[in-house]
Amino acid sequence: MNMAEKRSIILFLSAAFVGVLVTGVLSHSEPTIVSREGWNARPPKYIEKMQNPVPFVVIHHSYIPAACYNLEDCKTAMQWMQDFHQNNRSWADIGYSFAVGSDGRAYEGRGWSRVGAHAPTYNTKSIGICIIGDWREELPPEKQLTTVQQLITKGIREGYIMNDYKLVGHKQVREGTECPGDRLFKEIKNWPNYCQDPSAPNNIKIVAEDTQIDDNRLKRKT
């Protein structure tokens, strides 16, 4: 092996090493989160505090509104969902903890520490993340999925989500819905901590204590 070949190998290995470092940094990057004030949210009708860390993350899609690809359209989507949840369903607020747009931003809904209204019997023990759009046949953009994963990582790091949390799709915990859409659901099955059977005995114990609380909340249409 001559000197030129050795230099080429060294340069290749150096570039590969830098690539690994950069990838590691990107995978742990902070998600960009637009606050409630940032999308002009109305105040909630009332607030119910969450007990963190929670053992579940529930993934949703909005179906309607459609995917949004810039800040203004995503703000409009958030306002539409809040209007629908508060006015049509008489809930206290937008149902989700967070929503994520195809612009790669996360949008604060009820946030980390307030009980949501997105998955009965799981509301008090989960963070609900809505991936804005209809994902029955198409997969969301990569940056949208990356932001969801960054958001979960942030929740774990800051003590809002348990380290050994269970990831589920909405239709696994609520009958009669396609949410989060077949294509997206197929994707999240490959994600860390995906739970094939949230109704298994060990998992039922986690949510059993919350069933009555959620039933009462539903009676109040929250």
C-alpha atoms as a PDB file:
ATOM      1  CA  MET A   1       0.000   0.000   0.000  1.00  0.00           C
ATOM      2  CA  ASN A   2       1.498   3.330  -1.051  1.00  0.00           C
ATOM      3  CA  MET A   3       1.329   6.595   0.882  1.00  0.00           C
ATOM      4  CA  ALA A   4      -1.515   8.023  -1.227  1.00  0.00           C
ATOM      5  CA  GLU A   5      -3.697   4.977  -0.524  1.00  0.00           C
ATOM      6  CA  LYS A   6      -2.982   5.261   3.210  1.00  0.00           C
ATOM      7  CA  ARG A   7      -4.006   8.920   3.178  1.00  0.00           C
ATOM      8  CA  SER A   8      -7.266   8.037   1.382  1.00  0.00           C
ATOM      9  CA  ILE A   9      -8.126   5.410   3.990  1.00  0.00           C
ATOM     10  CA  ILE A  10      -7.374   7.803   6.861  1.00  0.00           C
ATOM     11  CA  LEU A  11      -9.540  10.514   5.308  1.00  0.00           C
ATOM     12  CA  PHE A  12     -12.387   8.048   4.736  1.00  0.00           C
ATOM     13  CA  LEU A  13     -12.291   6.794   8.335  1.00  0.00           C
ATOM     14  CA  SER A  14     -12.129  10.355   9.665  1.00  0.00           C
ATOM     15  CA  ALA A  15     -15.168  11.368   7.628  1.00  0.00           C
ATOM     16  CA  ALA A  16     -17.073   8.303   8.811  1.00  0.00           C
ATOM     17  CA  PHE A  17     -16.224   9.105  12.441  1.00  0.00           C
ATOM     18  CA  VAL A  18     -17.437  12.690  12.062  1.00  0.00           C
ATOM     19  CA  GLY A  19     -20.610  11.401  10.425  1.00  0.00           C
ATOM     20  CA  VAL A  20     -21.318   9.185  13.435  1.00  0.00           C
ATOM     21  CA  LEU A  21     -20.832  12.136  15.786  1.00  0.00           C
ATOM     22  CA  VAL A  22     -23.134  14.367  13.758  1.00  0.00           C
ATOM     23  CA  THR A  23     -25.804  11.662  13.573  1.00  0.00           C
ATOM     24  CA  GLY A  24     -25.646  11.252  17.326  1.00  0.00           C
ATOM     25  CA  VAL A  25     -26.118  14.971  17.870  1.00  0.00           C
ATOM     26  CA  LEU A  26     -29.065  15.120  15.485  1.00  0.00           C
ATOM     27  CA  SER A  27     -30.838  12.209  17.139  1.00  0.00           C
ATOM     28  CA  HIS A  28     -30.718  14.060  20.457  1.00  0.00           C
ATOM     29  CA  SER A  29     -31.562  17.510  19.103  1.00  0.00           C
ATOM     30  CA  GLU A  30     -34.176  19.572  20.900  1.00  0.00           C
ATOM     31  CA  PRO A  31     -37.498  19.770  19.062  1.00  0.00           C
ATOM     32  CA  THR A  32     -38.749  23.220  18.158  1.00  0.00           C
ATOM     33  CA  ILE A  33     -41.891  23.704  20.252  1.00  0.00           C
ATOM     34  CA  VAL A  34     -44.394  26.443  19.466  1.00  0.00           C
ATOM     35  CA  SER A  35     -46.065  27.508  22.711  1.00  0.00           C
ATOM     36  CA  ARG A  36     -49.801  27.964  23.141  1.00  0.00           C
ATOM     37  CA  GLU A  37     -49.236  31.694  22.933  1.00  0.00           C
ATOM     38  CA  GLY A  38     -47.316  31.121  19.710  1.00  0.00           C
ATOM     39  CA  TRP A  39     -50.357  29.688  17.931  1.00  0.00           C
ATOM     40  CA  ASN A  40     -52.865  31.993  19.685  1.00  0.00           C
ATOM     41  CA  ALA A  41     -54.604  29.348  21.766  1.00  0.00           C
ATOM     42  CA  ARG A  42     -57.641  30.302  23.819  1.00  0.00           C
ATOM     43  CA  PRO A  43     -57.486  29.612  27.572  1.00  0.00           C
ATOM     44  CA  PRO A  44     -58.698  26.179  28.714  1.00  0.00           C
ATOM     45  CA  LYS A  45     -62.098  26.020  30.404  1.00  0.00           C
ATOM     46  CA  TYR A  46     -60.386  24.340  33.337  1.00  0.00           C
ATOM     47  CA  ILE A  47     -57.195  22.405  34.082  1.00  0.00           C
ATOM     48  CA  GLU A  48     -56.697  18.916  35.526  1.00  0.00           C
ATOM     49  CA  LYS A  49     -53.143  18.234  36.640  1.00  0.00           C
ATOM     50  CA  MET A  50     -51.266  15.151  35.406  1.00  0.00           C
ATOM     51  CA  GLN A  51     -49.166  12.950  37.667  1.00  0.00           C
ATOM     52  CA  ASN A  52     -45.822  12.570  35.903  1.00  0.00           C
ATOM     53  CA  PRO A  53     -43.967  10.590  34.750  1.00  0.00           C
ATOM     54  CA  VAL A  54     -46.576   8.742  32.698  1.00  0.00           C
ATOM     55  CA  PRO A  55     -46.228   5.143  31.431  1.00  0.00           C
ATOM     56  CA  PHE A  56     -47.826   5.566  27.977  1.00  0.00           C
ATOM     57  CA  VAL A  57     -47.403   7.622  24.811  1.00  0.00           C
ATOM     58  CA  VAL A  58     -50.410   7.487  22.457  1.00  0.00           C
ATOM     59  CA  ILE A  59     -49.891   8.399  18.787  1.00  0.00           C
ATOM     60  CA  HIS A  60     -52.737   9.979  16.786  1.00  0.00           C
ATOM     61  CA  HIS A  61     -53.287  11.552  13.400  1.00  0.00           C
ATOM     62  CA  SER A  62     -55.702  14.432  12.932  1.00  0.00           C
ATOM     63  CA  TYR A  63     -57.239  13.122   9.651  1.00  0.00           C
ATOM     64  CA  ILE A  64     -58.832  16.578   9.480  1.00  0.00           C
ATOM     65  CA  PRO A  65     -57.221  19.125   9.361  1.00  0.00           C
ATOM     66  CA  ALA A  66     -54.901  18.080   6.561  1.00  0.00           C
ATOM     67  CA  ALA A  67     -51.122  18.143   6.795  1.00  0.00           C
ATOM     68  CA  CYS A  68     -49.602  21.606   7.242  1.00  0.00           C
ATOM     69  CA  TYR A  69     -46.176  22.508   5.887  1.00  0.00           C
ATOM     70  CA  ASN A  70     -45.495  25.980   7.275  1.00  0.00           C
ATOM     71  CA  LEU A  71     -45.919  27.870  10.527  1.00  0.00           C
ATOM     72  CA  GLU A  72     -49.025  29.838   9.577  1.00  0.00           C
ATOM     73  CA  ASP A  73     -50.917  26.828   8.232  1.00  0.00           C
ATOM     74  CA  CYS A  74     -50.005  24.761  11.294  1.00  0.00           C
ATOM     75  CA  LYS A  75     -51.152  27.542  13.627  1.00  0.00           C
ATOM     76  CA  THR A  76     -54.457  27.571  11.749  1.00  0.00           C
ATOM     77  CA  ALA A  77     -54.709  23.781  12.115  1.00  0.00           C
ATOM     78  CA  MET A  78     -54.153  24.044  15.874  1.00  0.00           C
ATOM     79  CA  GLN A  79     -56.813  26.746  16.178  1.00  0.00           C
ATOM     80  CA  TRP A  80     -59.255  24.635  14.157  1.00  0.00           C
ATOM     81  CA  MET A  81     -58.705  21.599  16.408  1.00  0.00           C
ATOM     82  CA  GLN A  82     -59.110  23.652  19.570  1.00  0.00           C
ATOM     83  CA  ASP A  83     -62.323  25.203  18.235  1.00  0.00           C
ATOM     84  CA  PHE A  84     -63.701  21.777  17.327  1.00  0.00           C
ATOM     85  CA  HIS A  85     -62.779  20.169  20.644  1.00  0.00           C
ATOM     86  CA  GLN A  86     -64.053  23.029  22.798  1.00  0.00           C
ATOM     87  CA  ASN A  87     -67.140  24.012  20.809  1.00  0.00           C
ATOM     88  CA  ASN A  88     -68.324  20.801  19.141  1.00  0.00           C
ATOM     89  CA  ARG A  89     -67.243  18.289  21.771  1.00  0.00           C
ATOM     90  CA  SER A  90     -67.533  20.584  24.782  1.00  0.00           C
ATOM     91  CA  TRP A  91     -64.071  19.617  26.041  1.00  0.00           C
ATOM     92  CA  ALA A  92     -61.988  21.818  28.283  1.00  0.00           C
ATOM     93  CA  ASP A  93     -59.332  22.390  25.623  1.00  0.00           C
ATOM     94  CA  ILE A  94     -57.687  20.855  22.570  1.00  0.00           C
ATOM     95  CA  GLY A  95     -57.507  17.167  23.415  1.00  0.00           C
ATOM     96  CA  TYR A  96     -53.855  16.404  22.651  1.00  0.00           C
ATOM     97  CA  SER A  97     -50.778  17.027  24.751  1.00  0.00           C
ATOM     98  CA  PHE A  98     -48.873  18.061  21.624  1.00  0.00           C
ATOM     99  CA  ALA A  99     -49.336  18.106  17.863  1.00  0.00           C
ATOM    100  CA  VAL A 100     -46.580  17.924  15.254  1.00  0.00           C
ATOM    101  CA  GLY A 101     -46.758  19.542  11.826  1.00  0.00           C
ATOM    102  CA  SER A 102     -45.130  18.580   8.547  1.00  0.00           C
ATOM    103  CA  ASP A 103     -43.080  21.750   9.007  1.00  0.00           C
ATOM    104  CA  GLY A 104     -41.085  19.843  11.631  1.00  0.00           C
ATOM    105  CA  ARG A 105     -42.365  21.883  14.573  1.00  0.00           C
ATOM    106  CA  ALA A 106     -44.132  20.604  17.671  1.00  0.00           C
ATOM    107  CA  TYR A 107     -47.124  22.600  18.905  1.00  0.00           C
ATOM    108  CA  GLU A 108     -48.067  22.692  22.572  1.00  0.00           C
ATOM    109  CA  GLY A 109     -51.584  21.486  23.285  1.00  0.00           C
ATOM    110  CA  ARG A 110     -52.305  20.628  26.914  1.00  0.00           C
ATOM    111  CA  GLY A 111     -48.596  20.125  27.429  1.00  0.00           C
ATOM    112  CA  TRP A 112     -46.702  17.732  29.672  1.00  0.00           C
ATOM    113  CA  SER A 113     -48.501  18.260  32.970  1.00  0.00           C
ATOM    114  CA  ARG A 114     -52.204  18.553  32.146  1.00  0.00           C
ATOM    115  CA  VAL A 115     -54.547  15.601  31.627  1.00  0.00           C
ATOM    116  CA  GLY A 116     -55.625  15.320  27.999  1.00  0.00           C
ATOM    117  CA  ALA A 117     -58.829  14.148  26.309  1.00  0.00           C
ATOM    118  CA  HIS A 118     -57.571  11.883  23.550  1.00  0.00           C
ATOM    119  CA  ALA A 119     -57.810   8.252  24.771  1.00  0.00           C
ATOM    120  CA  PRO A 120     -60.422   7.297  27.400  1.00  0.00           C
ATOM    121  CA  THR A 121     -58.980   5.244  30.311  1.00  0.00           C
ATOM    122  CA  TYR A 122     -55.491   6.347  29.218  1.00  0.00           C
ATOM    123  CA  ASN A 123     -55.867  10.119  29.512  1.00  0.00           C
ATOM    124  CA  THR A 124     -54.457  10.375  33.025  1.00  0.00           C
ATOM    125  CA  LYS A 125     -51.526   8.078  32.255  1.00  0.00           C
ATOM    126  CA  SER A 126     -50.363   9.148  28.812  1.00  0.00           C
ATOM    127  CA  ILE A 127     -48.968  11.877  26.635  1.00  0.00           C
ATOM    128  CA  GLY A 128     -51.062  12.142  23.472  1.00  0.00           C
ATOM    129  CA  ILE A 129     -49.199  13.265  20.356  1.00  0.00           C
ATOM    130  CA  CYS A 130     -51.160  14.119  17.209  1.00  0.00           C
ATOM    131  CA  ILE A 131     -49.299  13.978  13.902  1.00  0.00           C
ATOM    132  CA  ILE A 132     -51.264  16.532  11.892  1.00  0.00           C
ATOM    133  CA  GLY A 133     -52.590  15.102   8.626  1.00  0.00           C
ATOM    134  CA  ASP A 134     -54.245  12.025   7.140  1.00  0.00           C
ATOM    135  CA  TRP A 135     -51.765   9.147   7.326  1.00  0.00           C
ATOM    136  CA  ARG A 136     -53.895   6.205   6.247  1.00  0.00           C
ATOM    137  CA  GLU A 137     -52.058   5.725   2.944  1.00  0.00           C
ATOM    138  CA  GLU A 138     -49.010   7.978   3.107  1.00  0.00           C
ATOM    139  CA  LEU A 139     -46.167   8.284   5.582  1.00  0.00           C
ATOM    140  CA  PRO A 140     -45.551  11.702   7.172  1.00  0.00           C
ATOM    141  CA  PRO A 141     -42.379  13.548   6.126  1.00  0.00           C
ATOM    142  CA  GLU A 142     -39.226  12.335   7.850  1.00  0.00           C
ATOM    143  CA  LYS A 143     -38.743  15.600   9.743  1.00  0.00           C
ATOM    144  CA  GLN A 144     -42.258  15.296  11.172  1.00  0.00           C
ATOM    145  CA  LEU A 145     -41.538  11.795  12.479  1.00  0.00           C
ATOM    146  CA  THR A 146     -38.138  12.886  13.788  1.00  0.00           C
ATOM    147  CA  THR A 147     -39.760  15.682  15.779  1.00  0.00           C
ATOM    148  CA  VAL A 148     -42.182  13.212  17.380  1.00  0.00           C
ATOM    149  CA  GLN A 149     -39.264  11.050  18.497  1.00  0.00           C
ATOM    150  CA  GLN A 150     -37.344  14.090  19.753  1.00  0.00           C
ATOM    151  CA  LEU A 151     -40.409  15.158  21.706  1.00  0.00           C
ATOM    152  CA  ILE A 152     -40.653  11.752  23.391  1.00  0.00           C
ATOM    153  CA  THR A 153     -36.934  11.833  24.199  1.00  0.00           C
ATOM    154  CA  LYS A 154     -37.355  15.287  25.741  1.00  0.00           C
ATOM    155  CA  GLY A 155     -40.282  14.039  27.826  1.00  0.00           C
ATOM    156  CA  ILE A 156     -38.191  11.181  29.197  1.00  0.00           C
ATOM    157  CA  ARG A 157     -35.167  13.374  29.866  1.00  0.00           C
ATOM    158  CA  GLU A 158     -37.214  15.969  31.751  1.00  0.00           C
ATOM    159  CA  GLY A 159     -39.137  13.432  33.835  1.00  0.00           C
ATOM    160  CA  TYR A 160     -42.563  13.649  32.195  1.00  0.00           C
ATOM    161  CA  ILE A 161     -42.482  10.176  30.586  1.00  0.00           C
ATOM    162  CA  MET A 162     -41.196   6.969  32.185  1.00  0.00           C
ATOM    163  CA  ASN A 163     -37.968   5.508  30.809  1.00  0.00           C
ATOM    164  CA  ASP A 164     -39.764   2.202  30.132  1.00  0.00           C
ATOM    165  CA  TYR A 165     -42.872   3.836  28.650  1.00  0.00           C
ATOM    166  CA  LYS A 166     -45.131   1.943  26.249  1.00  0.00           C
ATOM    167  CA  LEU A 167     -45.865   3.411  22.807  1.00  0.00           C
ATOM    168  CA  VAL A 168     -49.277   2.667  21.278  1.00  0.00           C
ATOM    169  CA  GLY A 169     -51.453   3.819  18.409  1.00  0.00           C
ATOM    170  CA  HIS A 170     -54.844   5.316  19.243  1.00  0.00           C
ATOM    171  CA  LYS A 171     -56.791   2.437  17.694  1.00  0.00           C
ATOM    172  CA  GLN A 172     -55.112  -0.008  20.094  1.00  0.00           C
ATOM    173  CA  VAL A 173     -56.817   1.661  23.043  1.00  0.00           C
ATOM    174  CA  ARG A 174     -60.038   2.920  21.448  1.00  0.00           C
ATOM    175  CA  GLU A 175     -62.472   0.815  19.412  1.00  0.00           C
ATOM    176  CA  GLY A 176     -64.000   2.093  16.200  1.00  0.00           C
ATOM    177  CA  THR A 177     -61.192   4.338  14.986  1.00  0.00           C
ATOM    178  CA  GLU A 178     -58.585   4.080  12.210  1.00  0.00           C
ATOM    179  CA  CYS A 179     -56.342   6.544  14.019  1.00  0.00           C
ATOM    180  CA  PRO A 180     -53.385   7.002  13.601  1.00  0.00           C
ATOM    181  CA  GLY A 181     -53.902   5.717  10.038  1.00  0.00           C
ATOM    182  CA  ASP A 182     -52.700   2.386   8.641  1.00  0.00           C
ATOM    183  CA  ARG A 183     -49.470   3.648   7.079  1.00  0.00           C
ATOM    184  CA  LEU A 184     -48.396   5.596  10.140  1.00  0.00           C
ATOM    185  CA  PHE A 185     -49.384   2.750  12.448  1.00  0.00           C
ATOM    186  CA  LYS A 186     -47.205   0.365  10.457  1.00  0.00           C
ATOM    187  CA  GLU A 187     -44.305   2.796  10.915  1.00  0.00           C
ATOM    188  CA  ILE A 188     -44.595   3.251  14.682  1.00  0.00           C
ATOM    189  CA  LYS A 189     -44.544  -0.515  15.158  1.00  0.00           C
ATOM    190  CA  ASN A 190     -40.816  -0.236  14.416  1.00  0.00           C
ATOM    191  CA  TRP A 191     -40.209   2.502  16.989  1.00  0.00           C
ATOM    192  CA  PRO A 192     -38.590   1.956  20.390  1.00  0.00           C
ATOM    193  CA  ASN A 193     -40.932   0.832  23.191  1.00  0.00           C
ATOM    194  CA  TYR A 194     -43.816  -0.048  20.853  1.00  0.00           C
ATOM    195  CA  CYS A 195     -46.346  -2.133  22.808  1.00  0.00           C
ATOM    196  CA  GLN A 196     -48.070  -4.844  20.791  1.00  0.00           C
ATOM    197  CA  ASP A 197     -50.763  -5.554  23.387  1.00  0.00           C
ATOM    198  CA  PRO A 198     -51.588  -2.743  25.819  1.00  0.00           C
ATOM    199  CA  SER A 199     -54.449  -4.901  27.146  1.00  0.00           C
ATOM    200  CA  ALA A 200     -52.017  -7.542  28.463  1.00  0.00           C
ATOM    201  CA  PRO A 201     -52.369  -8.163  32.245  1.00  0.00           C
ATOM    202  CA  ASN A 202     -49.271  -6.192  33.235  1.00  0.00           C
ATOM    203  CA  ASN A 203     -50.423  -3.208  31.203  1.00  0.00           C
ATOM    204  CA  ILE A 204     -54.031  -3.368  32.403  1.00  0.00           C
ATOM    205  CA  LYS A 205     -52.800  -2.905  35.975  1.00  0.00           C
ATOM    206  CA  ILE A 206     -51.234   0.391  34.973  1.00  0.00           C
ATOM    207  CA  VAL A 207     -54.481   1.912  33.722  1.00  0.00           C
ATOM    208  CA  ALA A 208     -57.071   0.166  35.903  1.00  0.00           C
ATOM    209  CA  GLU A 209     -56.838   2.756  38.670  1.00  0.00           C
ATOM    210  CA  ASP A 210     -57.683   5.523  36.180  1.00  0.00           C
ATOM    211  CA  THR A 211     -60.775   3.980  34.600  1.00  0.00           C
ATOM    212  CA  GLN A 212     -63.284   5.528  36.983  1.00  0.00           C
ATOM    213  CA  ILE A 213     -61.607   8.924  36.775  1.00  0.00           C
ATOM    214  CA  ASP A 214     -61.837   8.927  32.986  1.00  0.00           C
ATOM    215  CA  ASP A 215     -65.433   7.679  33.004  1.00  0.00           C
ATOM    216  CA  ASN A 216     -66.397  10.585  35.245  1.00  0.00           C
ATOM    217  CA  ARG A 217     -64.567  13.003  32.964  1.00  0.00           C
ATOM    218  CA  LEU A 218     -66.452  11.653  29.942  1.00  0.00           C
ATOM    219  CA  LYS A 219     -69.775  12.136  31.721  1.00  0.00           C
ATOM    220  CA  ARG A 220     -68.819  15.802  32.114  1.00  0.00           C
ATOM    221  CA  LYS A 221     -67.979  15.837  28.378  1.00  0.00           C
ATOM    222  CA  THR A 222     -64.393  16.856  28.941  1.00  0.00           C
END
